[in-house]
Amino acid sequence: MKNRTEVRRLQQKPAVTAWEKVQFFCQIADEKKVSDLVVLDVSRLTPIADFFVIGTCENPLHIDAVADEMELRAKHELGLLLRRTGEPASNWVVLDAGDVIVHLFNPELRDYYDLETLWAAAEKWVWEGSALRAEASLTP
């Protein structure tokens, strides 16, 4: 259980928009060498989140390192406590920041679940050269 000082400190951080969270998580993923990084705007398609950040990690240790770094920096820099689902050994970890959900996969599981096709109606951005570039969705 968190002590009162820590809770108070976390509550005092300024509010962060969903898009700022997306950029924050993409920057960390880029620093940690996550590949094929994409962002889907699912806000019109589901009430569970506004954005999905999806990235490919090489192995369970890579997934764990990236997830740990995102959790640590979100807590200290944004005052956010992320909810983690999945274990690195399962090759898919989900970090829930409320309006932004981060999916970290190994290559095989990412291909198998193919979230980009499942959510093809979502507006899509691709991380290239330390920035997000808009990409046309597959359906109108």
Protein backbone atom coordinates (compact mmCIF):
# COMPACT_ATOMS: atom_id res chain seq x y z
CA MET A 1 0.00 0.00 0.00
CA LYS A 2 1.28 3.45 -0.86
CA ASN A 3 2.07 5.88 1.90
CA ARG A 4 0.22 9.20 2.03
CA THR A 5 3.22 11.25 0.92
CA GLU A 6 3.63 9.20 -2.26
CA VAL A 7 -0.10 9.38 -3.06
CA ARG A 8 -0.15 13.14 -2.47
CA ARG A 9 2.94 13.62 -4.68
CA LEU A 10 1.36 11.58 -7.49
CA GLN A 11 -1.86 13.56 -7.25
CA GLN A 12 -0.02 16.88 -7.57
CA LYS A 13 1.35 16.17 -11.09
CA PRO A 14 -0.31 18.24 -13.82
CA ALA A 15 -2.89 16.46 -15.97
CA VAL A 16 -1.50 14.84 -19.09
CA THR A 17 -3.55 14.49 -22.28
CA ALA A 18 -3.97 11.14 -23.97
CA TRP A 19 -1.88 12.33 -26.92
CA GLU A 20 0.94 13.44 -24.59
CA LYS A 21 0.88 9.96 -23.04
CA VAL A 22 1.08 8.41 -26.52
CA GLN A 23 4.14 10.49 -27.37
CA PHE A 24 5.69 9.74 -23.98
CA PHE A 25 5.31 5.97 -24.41
CA CYS A 26 6.50 6.07 -28.03
CA GLN A 27 9.63 7.97 -27.01
CA ILE A 28 10.46 5.40 -24.34
CA ALA A 29 9.77 2.54 -26.75
CA ASP A 30 12.07 4.14 -29.31
CA GLU A 31 14.83 4.58 -26.71
CA LYS A 32 14.44 0.91 -25.76
CA LYS A 33 14.67 -0.24 -29.41
CA VAL A 34 11.05 -1.41 -29.76
CA SER A 35 10.36 -2.00 -33.46
CA ASP A 36 7.33 -1.50 -35.73
CA LEU A 37 5.81 1.05 -33.36
CA VAL A 38 2.28 2.13 -34.31
CA VAL A 39 -0.50 4.10 -32.65
CA LEU A 40 -4.19 3.46 -33.28
CA ASP A 41 -6.89 6.02 -32.45
CA VAL A 42 -9.68 3.74 -31.23
CA SER A 43 -11.68 6.49 -29.51
CA ARG A 44 -14.56 6.26 -32.02
CA LEU A 45 -14.57 2.47 -31.96
CA THR A 46 -14.50 1.44 -28.29
CA PRO A 47 -15.05 2.97 -24.86
CA ILE A 48 -12.07 1.16 -23.31
CA ALA A 49 -9.39 3.62 -24.50
CA ASP A 50 -8.63 6.47 -26.85
CA PHE A 51 -5.35 5.08 -28.19
CA PHE A 52 -3.47 1.81 -28.52
CA VAL A 53 0.32 1.93 -28.73
CA ILE A 54 1.60 -1.30 -30.28
CA GLY A 55 5.23 -2.36 -30.47
CA THR A 56 7.37 -5.41 -31.13
CA CYS A 57 10.05 -6.58 -28.70
CA GLU A 58 12.61 -9.26 -29.47
CA ASN A 59 12.15 -11.56 -26.47
CA PRO A 60 10.63 -11.79 -22.97
CA LEU A 61 13.58 -9.94 -21.38
CA HIS A 62 13.14 -7.08 -23.84
CA ILE A 63 9.39 -6.94 -23.13
CA ASP A 64 10.05 -6.85 -19.38
CA ALA A 65 12.72 -4.14 -19.66
CA VAL A 66 10.48 -1.91 -21.77
CA ALA A 67 7.44 -2.42 -19.53
CA ASP A 68 9.50 -1.74 -16.39
CA GLU A 69 10.92 1.46 -17.87
CA MET A 70 7.48 2.69 -18.94
CA GLU A 71 6.03 1.98 -15.49
CA LEU A 72 8.91 3.67 -13.68
CA ARG A 73 9.02 6.78 -15.86
CA ALA A 74 5.22 7.15 -16.01
CA LYS A 75 5.16 7.13 -12.21
CA HIS A 76 8.04 9.56 -11.71
CA GLU A 77 7.61 11.88 -14.68
CA LEU A 78 3.83 11.92 -15.18
CA GLY A 79 2.50 10.78 -11.82
CA LEU A 80 0.75 7.84 -13.48
CA LEU A 81 0.43 4.37 -12.03
CA LEU A 82 0.08 1.89 -14.88
CA ARG A 83 -1.79 -1.39 -14.62
CA ARG A 84 0.17 -4.30 -16.09
CA THR A 85 -1.47 -7.41 -17.50
CA GLY A 86 0.42 -10.40 -18.81
CA GLU A 87 3.88 -11.71 -18.13
CA PRO A 88 6.94 -11.28 -20.34
CA ALA A 89 7.16 -15.09 -20.64
CA SER A 90 3.74 -15.04 -22.36
CA ASN A 91 5.29 -12.75 -25.01
CA TRP A 92 2.56 -10.11 -24.63
CA VAL A 93 2.33 -7.46 -21.92
CA VAL A 94 -0.37 -4.79 -21.73
CA LEU A 95 0.15 -1.53 -19.84
CA ASP A 96 -3.05 0.37 -19.11
CA ALA A 97 -2.75 4.13 -18.60
CA GLY A 98 -6.53 4.69 -18.73
CA ASP A 99 -7.06 6.42 -22.05
CA VAL A 100 -3.90 4.87 -23.56
CA ILE A 101 -3.16 1.14 -23.67
CA VAL A 102 0.32 -0.09 -24.60
CA HIS A 103 0.70 -3.56 -26.16
CA LEU A 104 4.20 -5.08 -26.19
CA PHE A 105 4.49 -8.29 -28.22
CA ASN A 106 7.12 -10.63 -29.55
CA PRO A 107 7.07 -10.78 -33.40
CA GLU A 108 5.17 -14.06 -33.67
CA LEU A 109 2.35 -13.12 -31.30
CA ARG A 110 2.02 -9.68 -32.87
CA ASP A 111 1.55 -11.31 -36.27
CA TYR A 112 -0.88 -13.85 -34.83
CA TYR A 113 -3.19 -11.34 -33.09
CA ASP A 114 -2.72 -8.66 -35.77
CA LEU A 115 -4.34 -5.82 -33.82
CA GLU A 116 -3.77 -3.39 -36.70
CA THR A 117 -6.11 -5.42 -38.93
CA LEU A 118 -8.59 -6.08 -36.12
CA TRP A 119 -8.82 -2.31 -35.55
CA ALA A 120 -8.40 -1.37 -39.23
CA ALA A 121 -11.09 1.34 -38.95
CA ALA A 122 -8.88 3.23 -36.49
CA GLU A 123 -6.78 6.19 -37.55
CA LYS A 124 -3.17 5.03 -37.57
CA TRP A 125 0.19 6.68 -36.89
CA VAL A 126 3.61 5.14 -37.45
CA TRP A 127 6.68 6.07 -35.39
CA GLU A 128 9.47 7.11 -37.75
CA GLY A 129 12.60 9.07 -36.94
CA SER A 130 11.54 10.04 -33.41
CA ALA A 131 8.11 11.29 -34.48
CA LEU A 132 4.63 10.01 -35.29
CA ARG A 133 3.52 10.16 -38.92
CA ALA A 134 -0.18 9.85 -39.79
CA GLU A 135 -1.12 6.97 -42.08
CA ALA A 136 -4.44 6.57 -43.87
CA SER A 137 -6.78 3.96 -42.37
CA LEU A 138 -7.77 0.94 -44.45
CA THR A 139 -11.47 1.71 -44.25
CA PRO A 140 -13.34 5.03 -44.48
